[in-house]
Amino acid sequence: MVKGTSRQVLLVRSPDETLFEQAIFIIKEGSKPVTEEMLLQEADRLLKKPMHPMKARLYGPVWAACGAAIMAAVWAVSVLA
């Protein structure tokens, strides 16, 4: 879907393309003005920030449980209605 809005995007190319080619950061609208160097420092900080191992393991099961709960609710509403 294409919207008629203009967004500021920061595209960071990976020096080692074994895992990913590039990272795309979308700048919030109405954010305070920052320099290009500040944007690159923040992107670098986010890319180097390790994800907690427990969070990485929980994402899949949590989303699967949420999907199952939503489908159960939809099924219940369609059967009982």
PDB file of N, CA and C in Angstrom:
ATOM      1  N   MET A   1       0.846  -1.164   0.000  1.00  0.00           N
ATOM      2  CA  MET A   1       0.000   0.000   0.000  1.00  0.00           C
ATOM      3  C   MET A   1       0.899   1.236   0.000  1.00  0.00           C
ATOM      4  N   VAL A   2       0.545   2.211  -0.781  1.00  0.00           N
ATOM      5  CA  VAL A   2       1.314   3.438  -0.876  1.00  0.00           C
ATOM      6  C   VAL A   2       0.499   4.573  -0.273  1.00  0.00           C
ATOM      7  N   LYS A   3       1.119   5.306   0.629  1.00  0.00           N
ATOM      8  CA  LYS A   3       0.457   6.465   1.220  1.00  0.00           C
ATOM      9  C   LYS A   3       1.057   7.724   0.616  1.00  0.00           C
ATOM     10  N   GLY A   4       0.320   8.787   0.688  1.00  0.00           N
ATOM     11  CA  GLY A   4       0.780  10.039   0.122  1.00  0.00           C
ATOM     12  C   GLY A   4       1.547  10.888   1.113  1.00  0.00           C
ATOM     13  N   THR A   5       2.415  10.271   1.899  1.00  0.00           N
ATOM     14  CA  THR A   5       3.197  11.027   2.865  1.00  0.00           C
ATOM     15  C   THR A   5       4.675  10.901   2.539  1.00  0.00           C
ATOM     16  N   SER A   6       5.401  11.879   2.961  1.00  0.00           N
ATOM     17  CA  SER A   6       6.846  11.886   2.765  1.00  0.00           C
ATOM     18  C   SER A   6       7.504  11.603   4.102  1.00  0.00           C
ATOM     19  N   ARG A   7       8.450  10.664   4.137  1.00  0.00           N
ATOM     20  CA  ARG A   7       9.127  10.295   5.376  1.00  0.00           C
ATOM     21  C   ARG A   7      10.627  10.465   5.191  1.00  0.00           C
ATOM     22  N   GLN A   8      11.305  10.796   6.288  1.00  0.00           N
ATOM     23  CA  GLN A   8      12.756  10.832   6.252  1.00  0.00           C
ATOM     24  C   GLN A   8      13.267   9.448   6.620  1.00  0.00           C
ATOM     25  N   VAL A   9      14.194   8.941   5.821  1.00  0.00           N
ATOM     26  CA  VAL A   9      14.705   7.592   6.012  1.00  0.00           C
ATOM     27  C   VAL A   9      16.222   7.637   6.067  1.00  0.00           C
ATOM     28  N   LEU A  10      16.787   6.861   6.995  1.00  0.00           N
ATOM     29  CA  LEU A  10      18.233   6.702   7.085  1.00  0.00           C
ATOM     30  C   LEU A  10      18.546   5.285   6.645  1.00  0.00           C
ATOM     31  N   LEU A  11      19.330   5.143   5.600  1.00  0.00           N
ATOM     32  CA  LEU A  11      19.707   3.848   5.052  1.00  0.00           C
ATOM     33  C   LEU A  11      21.165   3.597   5.405  1.00  0.00           C
ATOM     34  N   VAL A  12      21.429   2.513   6.144  1.00  0.00           N
ATOM     35  CA  VAL A  12      22.789   2.181   6.568  1.00  0.00           C
ATOM     36  C   VAL A  12      23.181   0.882   5.890  1.00  0.00           C
ATOM     37  N   ARG A  13      24.201   0.941   5.069  1.00  0.00           N
ATOM     38  CA  ARG A  13      24.688  -0.256   4.377  1.00  0.00           C
ATOM     39  C   ARG A  13      25.665  -1.005   5.278  1.00  0.00           C
ATOM     40  N   SER A  14      25.590  -2.332   5.217  1.00  0.00           N
ATOM     41  CA  SER A  14      26.444  -3.176   6.038  1.00  0.00           C
ATOM     42  C   SER A  14      27.827  -3.302   5.409  1.00  0.00           C
ATOM     43  N   PRO A  15      28.883  -3.155   6.216  1.00  0.00           N
ATOM     44  CA  PRO A  15      30.222  -3.351   5.658  1.00  0.00           C
ATOM     45  C   PRO A  15      30.479  -4.818   5.316  1.00  0.00           C
ATOM     46  N   ASP A  16      29.840  -5.729   6.047  1.00  0.00           N
ATOM     47  CA  ASP A  16      29.977  -7.163   5.804  1.00  0.00           C
ATOM     48  C   ASP A  16      28.598  -7.701   5.463  1.00  0.00           C
ATOM     49  N   GLU A  17      28.352  -8.023   4.218  1.00  0.00           N
ATOM     50  CA  GLU A  17      27.008  -8.377   3.765  1.00  0.00           C
ATOM     51  C   GLU A  17      26.698  -9.863   3.908  1.00  0.00           C
ATOM     52  N   THR A  18      27.316 -10.550   4.871  1.00  0.00           N
ATOM     53  CA  THR A  18      27.010 -11.970   5.048  1.00  0.00           C
ATOM     54  C   THR A  18      25.639 -12.181   5.677  1.00  0.00           C
ATOM     55  N   LEU A  19      25.234 -11.299   6.595  1.00  0.00           N
ATOM     56  CA  LEU A  19      23.943 -11.464   7.259  1.00  0.00           C
ATOM     57  C   LEU A  19      22.868 -10.553   6.693  1.00  0.00           C
ATOM     58  N   PHE A  20      23.192  -9.295   6.489  1.00  0.00           N
ATOM     59  CA  PHE A  20      22.203  -8.383   5.933  1.00  0.00           C
ATOM     60  C   PHE A  20      22.894  -7.386   5.031  1.00  0.00           C
ATOM     61  N   GLU A  21      22.118  -6.873   4.100  1.00  0.00           N
ATOM     62  CA  GLU A  21      22.644  -5.943   3.108  1.00  0.00           C
ATOM     63  C   GLU A  21      22.579  -4.506   3.597  1.00  0.00           C
ATOM     64  N   GLN A  22      21.454  -4.160   4.247  1.00  0.00           N
ATOM     65  CA  GLN A  22      21.277  -2.791   4.700  1.00  0.00           C
ATOM     66  C   GLN A  22      20.244  -2.746   5.820  1.00  0.00           C
ATOM     67  N   ALA A  23      20.295  -1.692   6.595  1.00  0.00           N
ATOM     68  CA  ALA A  23      19.300  -1.443   7.639  1.00  0.00           C
ATOM     69  C   ALA A  23      18.599  -0.136   7.307  1.00  0.00           C
ATOM     70  N   ILE A  24      17.294  -0.104   7.521  1.00  0.00           N
ATOM     71  CA  ILE A  24      16.508   1.080   7.198  1.00  0.00           C
ATOM     72  C   ILE A  24      15.893   1.625   8.482  1.00  0.00           C
ATOM     73  N   PHE A  25      16.168   2.884   8.787  1.00  0.00           N
ATOM     74  CA  PHE A  25      15.613   3.557   9.948  1.00  0.00           C
ATOM     75  C   PHE A  25      14.691   4.663   9.444  1.00  0.00           C
ATOM     76  N   ILE A  26      13.463   4.691   9.957  1.00  0.00           N
ATOM     77  CA  ILE A  26      12.502   5.731   9.575  1.00  0.00           C
ATOM     78  C   ILE A  26      12.468   6.760  10.706  1.00  0.00           C
ATOM     79  N   ILE A  27      12.775   8.006  10.374  1.00  0.00           N
ATOM     80  CA  ILE A  27      12.849   9.085  11.356  1.00  0.00           C
ATOM     81  C   ILE A  27      11.432   9.516  11.747  1.00  0.00           C
ATOM     82  N   LYS A  28      11.192   9.667  13.048  1.00  0.00           N
ATOM     83  CA  LYS A  28       9.885  10.102  13.532  1.00  0.00           C
ATOM     84  C   LYS A  28       9.568  11.502  13.018  1.00  0.00           C
ATOM     85  N   GLU A  29       8.287  11.690  12.680  1.00  0.00           N
ATOM     86  CA  GLU A  29       7.846  13.030  12.296  1.00  0.00           C
ATOM     87  C   GLU A  29       7.818  13.911  13.531  1.00  0.00           C
ATOM     88  N   GLY A  30       8.221  15.142  13.379  1.00  0.00           N
ATOM     89  CA  GLY A  30       8.198  16.080  14.495  1.00  0.00           C
ATOM     90  C   GLY A  30       9.346  15.907  15.468  1.00  0.00           C
ATOM     91  N   SER A  31      10.321  15.069  15.119  1.00  0.00           N
ATOM     92  CA  SER A  31      11.460  14.915  16.016  1.00  0.00           C
ATOM     93  C   SER A  31      12.360  16.150  15.908  1.00  0.00           C
ATOM     94  N   LYS A  32      13.118  16.376  16.962  1.00  0.00           N
ATOM     95  CA  LYS A  32      13.975  17.555  16.961  1.00  0.00           C
ATOM     96  C   LYS A  32      15.042  17.425  15.872  1.00  0.00           C
ATOM     97  N   PRO A  33      15.494  18.525  15.323  1.00  0.00           N
ATOM     98  CA  PRO A  33      16.514  18.474  14.272  1.00  0.00           C
ATOM     99  C   PRO A  33      17.832  17.916  14.819  1.00  0.00           C
ATOM    100  N   VAL A  34      18.403  17.006  14.065  1.00  0.00           N
ATOM    101  CA  VAL A  34      19.677  16.404  14.464  1.00  0.00           C
ATOM    102  C   VAL A  34      20.619  16.405  13.270  1.00  0.00           C
ATOM    103  N   THR A  35      21.895  16.250  13.556  1.00  0.00           N
ATOM    104  CA  THR A  35      22.881  16.208  12.484  1.00  0.00           C
ATOM    105  C   THR A  35      22.973  14.792  11.921  1.00  0.00           C
ATOM    106  N   GLU A  36      23.562  14.696  10.764  1.00  0.00           N
ATOM    107  CA  GLU A  36      23.758  13.389  10.131  1.00  0.00           C
ATOM    108  C   GLU A  36      24.633  12.502  11.017  1.00  0.00           C
ATOM    109  N   GLU A  37      25.638  13.100  11.639  1.00  0.00           N
ATOM    110  CA  GLU A  37      26.533  12.339  12.511  1.00  0.00           C
ATOM    111  C   GLU A  37      25.776  11.758  13.702  1.00  0.00           C
ATOM    112  N   MET A  38      24.850  12.540  14.281  1.00  0.00           N
ATOM    113  CA  MET A  38      24.051  12.049  15.406  1.00  0.00           C
ATOM    114  C   MET A  38      23.167  10.879  14.978  1.00  0.00           C
ATOM    115  N   LEU A  39      22.581  10.961  13.783  1.00  0.00           N
ATOM    116  CA  LEU A  39      21.762   9.874  13.272  1.00  0.00           C
ATOM    117  C   LEU A  39      22.578   8.607  13.082  1.00  0.00           C
ATOM    118  N   LEU A  40      23.759   8.754  12.509  1.00  0.00           N
ATOM    119  CA  LEU A  40      24.614   7.585  12.288  1.00  0.00           C
ATOM    120  C   LEU A  40      25.085   6.976  13.599  1.00  0.00           C
ATOM    121  N   GLN A  41      25.380   7.803  14.610  1.00  0.00           N
ATOM    122  CA  GLN A  41      25.784   7.282  15.916  1.00  0.00           C
ATOM    123  C   GLN A  41      24.649   6.495  16.562  1.00  0.00           C
ATOM    124  N   GLU A  42      23.435   7.013  16.470  1.00  0.00           N
ATOM    125  CA  GLU A  42      22.277   6.321  17.051  1.00  0.00           C
ATOM    126  C   GLU A  42      22.006   5.008  16.316  1.00  0.00           C
ATOM    127  N   ALA A  43      22.108   5.023  14.994  1.00  0.00           N
ATOM    128  CA  ALA A  43      21.909   3.799  14.222  1.00  0.00           C
ATOM    129  C   ALA A  43      22.972   2.769  14.578  1.00  0.00           C
ATOM    130  N   ASP A  44      24.212   3.208  14.726  1.00  0.00           N
ATOM    131  CA  ASP A  44      25.301   2.313  15.102  1.00  0.00           C
ATOM    132  C   ASP A  44      25.048   1.716  16.491  1.00  0.00           C
ATOM    133  N   ARG A  45      24.569   2.548  17.418  1.00  0.00           N
ATOM    134  CA  ARG A  45      24.285   2.070  18.776  1.00  0.00           C
ATOM    135  C   ARG A  45      23.181   1.001  18.750  1.00  0.00           C
ATOM    136  N   LEU A  46      22.139   1.239  17.962  1.00  0.00           N
ATOM    137  CA  LEU A  46      21.043   0.286  17.889  1.00  0.00           C
ATOM    138  C   LEU A  46      21.459  -1.019  17.228  1.00  0.00           C
ATOM    139  N   LEU A  47      22.291  -0.927  16.219  1.00  0.00           N
ATOM    140  CA  LEU A  47      22.729  -2.134  15.527  1.00  0.00           C
ATOM    141  C   LEU A  47      23.645  -2.986  16.395  1.00  0.00           C
ATOM    142  N   LYS A  48      24.403  -2.365  17.276  1.00  0.00           N
ATOM    143  CA  LYS A  48      25.331  -3.108  18.125  1.00  0.00           C
ATOM    144  C   LYS A  48      24.706  -3.600  19.424  1.00  0.00           C
ATOM    145  N   LYS A  49      23.504  -3.114  19.738  1.00  0.00           N
ATOM    146  CA  LYS A  49      22.841  -3.475  20.984  1.00  0.00           C
ATOM    147  C   LYS A  49      22.384  -4.936  20.911  1.00  0.00           C
ATOM    148  N   PRO A  50      22.891  -5.788  21.801  1.00  0.00           N
ATOM    149  CA  PRO A  50      22.487  -7.196  21.740  1.00  0.00           C
ATOM    150  C   PRO A  50      21.074  -7.395  22.293  1.00  0.00           C
ATOM    151  N   MET A  51      20.353  -8.335  21.710  1.00  0.00           N
ATOM    152  CA  MET A  51      19.027  -8.663  22.206  1.00  0.00           C
ATOM    153  C   MET A  51      19.180  -9.664  23.341  1.00  0.00           C
ATOM    154  N   HIS A  52      18.417  -9.466  24.380  1.00  0.00           N
ATOM    155  CA  HIS A  52      18.453 -10.381  25.514  1.00  0.00           C
ATOM    156  C   HIS A  52      18.039 -11.773  25.024  1.00  0.00           C
ATOM    157  N   PRO A  53      18.780 -12.839  25.385  1.00  0.00           N
ATOM    158  CA  PRO A  53      18.456 -14.183  24.875  1.00  0.00           C
ATOM    159  C   PRO A  53      17.038 -14.636  25.206  1.00  0.00           C
ATOM    160  N   MET A  54      16.535 -14.265  26.379  1.00  0.00           N
ATOM    161  CA  MET A  54      15.188 -14.685  26.744  1.00  0.00           C
ATOM    162  C   MET A  54      14.150 -14.006  25.854  1.00  0.00           C
ATOM    163  N   LYS A  55      14.364 -12.726  25.508  1.00  0.00           N
ATOM    164  CA  LYS A  55      13.440 -12.037  24.610  1.00  0.00           C
ATOM    165  C   LYS A  55      13.418 -12.712  23.254  1.00  0.00           C
ATOM    166  N   ALA A  56      14.582 -13.101  22.757  1.00  0.00           N
ATOM    167  CA  ALA A  56      14.668 -13.723  21.444  1.00  0.00           C
ATOM    168  C   ALA A  56      13.908 -15.044  21.435  1.00  0.00           C
ATOM    169  N   ARG A  57      13.949 -15.789  22.532  1.00  0.00           N
ATOM    170  CA  ARG A  57      13.258 -17.075  22.595  1.00  0.00           C
ATOM    171  C   ARG A  57      11.757 -16.911  22.812  1.00  0.00           C
ATOM    172  N   LEU A  58      11.322 -15.823  23.414  1.00  0.00           N
ATOM    173  CA  LEU A  58       9.910 -15.648  23.731  1.00  0.00           C
ATOM    174  C   LEU A  58       9.088 -15.081  22.580  1.00  0.00           C
ATOM    175  N   TYR A  59       9.701 -14.376  21.664  1.00  0.00           N
ATOM    176  CA  TYR A  59       8.926 -13.708  20.625  1.00  0.00           C
ATOM    177  C   TYR A  59       8.049 -14.670  19.834  1.00  0.00           C
ATOM    178  N   GLY A  60       8.596 -15.759  19.350  1.00  0.00           N
ATOM    179  CA  GLY A  60       7.824 -16.719  18.554  1.00  0.00           C
ATOM    180  C   GLY A  60       6.645 -17.294  19.313  1.00  0.00           C
ATOM    181  N   PRO A  61       6.877 -17.902  20.483  1.00  0.00           N
ATOM    182  CA  PRO A  61       5.752 -18.472  21.240  1.00  0.00           C
ATOM    183  C   PRO A  61       4.710 -17.434  21.657  1.00  0.00           C
ATOM    184  N   VAL A  62       5.137 -16.233  21.999  1.00  0.00           N
ATOM    185  CA  VAL A  62       4.182 -15.196  22.403  1.00  0.00           C
ATOM    186  C   VAL A  62       3.281 -14.824  21.236  1.00  0.00           C
ATOM    187  N   TRP A  63       3.861 -14.595  20.049  1.00  0.00           N
ATOM    188  CA  TRP A  63       3.051 -14.244  18.887  1.00  0.00           C
ATOM    189  C   TRP A  63       2.148 -15.405  18.475  1.00  0.00           C
ATOM    190  N   ALA A  64       2.645 -16.644  18.595  1.00  0.00           N
ATOM    191  CA  ALA A  64       1.815 -17.805  18.263  1.00  0.00           C
ATOM    192  C   ALA A  64       0.621 -17.900  19.216  1.00  0.00           C
ATOM    193  N   ALA A  65       0.850 -17.671  20.504  1.00  0.00           N
ATOM    194  CA  ALA A  65      -0.236 -17.717  21.486  1.00  0.00           C
ATOM    195  C   ALA A  65      -1.247 -16.603  21.228  1.00  0.00           C
ATOM    196  N   CYS A  66      -0.768 -15.411  20.894  1.00  0.00           N
ATOM    197  CA  CYS A  66      -1.676 -14.300  20.582  1.00  0.00           C
ATOM    198  C   CYS A  66      -2.531 -14.624  19.358  1.00  0.00           C
ATOM    199  N   GLY A  67      -1.915 -15.177  18.342  1.00  0.00           N
ATOM    200  CA  GLY A  67      -2.657 -15.551  17.138  1.00  0.00           C
ATOM    201  C   GLY A  67      -3.692 -16.622  17.427  1.00  0.00           C
ATOM    202  N   ALA A  68      -3.317 -17.612  18.243  1.00  0.00           N
ATOM    203  CA  ALA A  68      -4.256 -18.676  18.603  1.00  0.00           C
ATOM    204  C   ALA A  68      -5.430 -18.111  19.399  1.00  0.00           C
ATOM    205  N   ALA A  69      -5.153 -17.191  20.323  1.00  0.00           N
ATOM    206  CA  ALA A  69      -6.220 -16.595  21.130  1.00  0.00           C
ATOM    207  C   ALA A  69      -7.175 -15.780  20.265  1.00  0.00           C
ATOM    208  N   ILE A  70      -6.644 -15.022  19.326  1.00  0.00           N
ATOM    209  CA  ILE A  70      -7.493 -14.229  18.433  1.00  0.00           C
ATOM    210  C   ILE A  70      -8.357 -15.141  17.570  1.00  0.00           C
ATOM    211  N   MET A  71      -7.764 -16.199  17.028  1.00  0.00           N
ATOM    212  CA  MET A  71      -8.533 -17.124  16.192  1.00  0.00           C
ATOM    213  C   MET A  71      -9.601 -17.838  17.003  1.00  0.00           C
ATOM    214  N   ALA A  72      -9.302 -18.182  18.256  1.00  0.00           N
ATOM    215  CA  ALA A  72     -10.298 -18.817  19.121  1.00  0.00           C
ATOM    216  C   ALA A  72     -11.458 -17.864  19.386  1.00  0.00           C
ATOM    217  N   ALA A  73     -11.139 -16.594  19.602  1.00  0.00           N
ATOM    218  CA  ALA A  73     -12.192 -15.599  19.837  1.00  0.00           C
ATOM    219  C   ALA A  73     -13.057 -15.430  18.585  1.00  0.00           C
ATOM    220  N   VAL A  74     -12.432 -15.352  17.420  1.00  0.00           N
ATOM    221  CA  VAL A  74     -13.188 -15.214  16.166  1.00  0.00           C
ATOM    222  C   VAL A  74     -14.065 -16.439  15.951  1.00  0.00           C
ATOM    223  N   TRP A  75     -13.517 -17.626  16.203  1.00  0.00           N
ATOM    224  CA  TRP A  75     -14.287 -18.858  16.042  1.00  0.00           C
ATOM    225  C   TRP A  75     -15.477 -18.864  17.002  1.00  0.00           C
ATOM    226  N   ALA A  76     -15.237 -18.493  18.262  1.00  0.00           N
ATOM    227  CA  ALA A  76     -16.311 -18.482  19.263  1.00  0.00           C
ATOM    228  C   ALA A  76     -17.425 -17.514  18.869  1.00  0.00           C
ATOM    229  N   VAL A  77     -17.055 -16.332  18.405  1.00  0.00           N
ATOM    230  CA  VAL A  77     -18.051 -15.350  17.983  1.00  0.00           C
ATOM    231  C   VAL A  77     -18.836 -15.864  16.777  1.00  0.00           C
ATOM    232  N   SER A  78     -18.178 -16.496  15.831  1.00  0.00           N
ATOM    233  CA  SER A  78     -18.877 -16.967  14.634  1.00  0.00           C
ATOM    234  C   SER A  78     -19.783 -18.160  14.940  1.00  0.00           C
ATOM    235  N   VAL A  79     -19.408 -19.003  15.894  1.00  0.00           N
ATOM    236  CA  VAL A  79     -20.238 -20.149  16.244  1.00  0.00           C
ATOM    237  C   VAL A  79     -21.427 -19.725  17.108  1.00  0.00           C
ATOM    238  N   LEU A  80     -21.189 -18.807  18.034  1.00  0.00           N
ATOM    239  CA  LEU A  80     -22.241 -18.400  18.960  1.00  0.00           C
ATOM    240  C   LEU A  80     -23.190 -17.345  18.390  1.00  0.00           C
ATOM    241  N   ALA A  81     -22.793 -16.703  17.335  1.00  0.00           N
ATOM    242  CA  ALA A  81     -23.639 -15.636  16.769  1.00  0.00           C
ATOM    243  C   ALA A  81     -24.697 -16.169  15.863  1.00  0.00           C
TER     244      ALA A  81
END
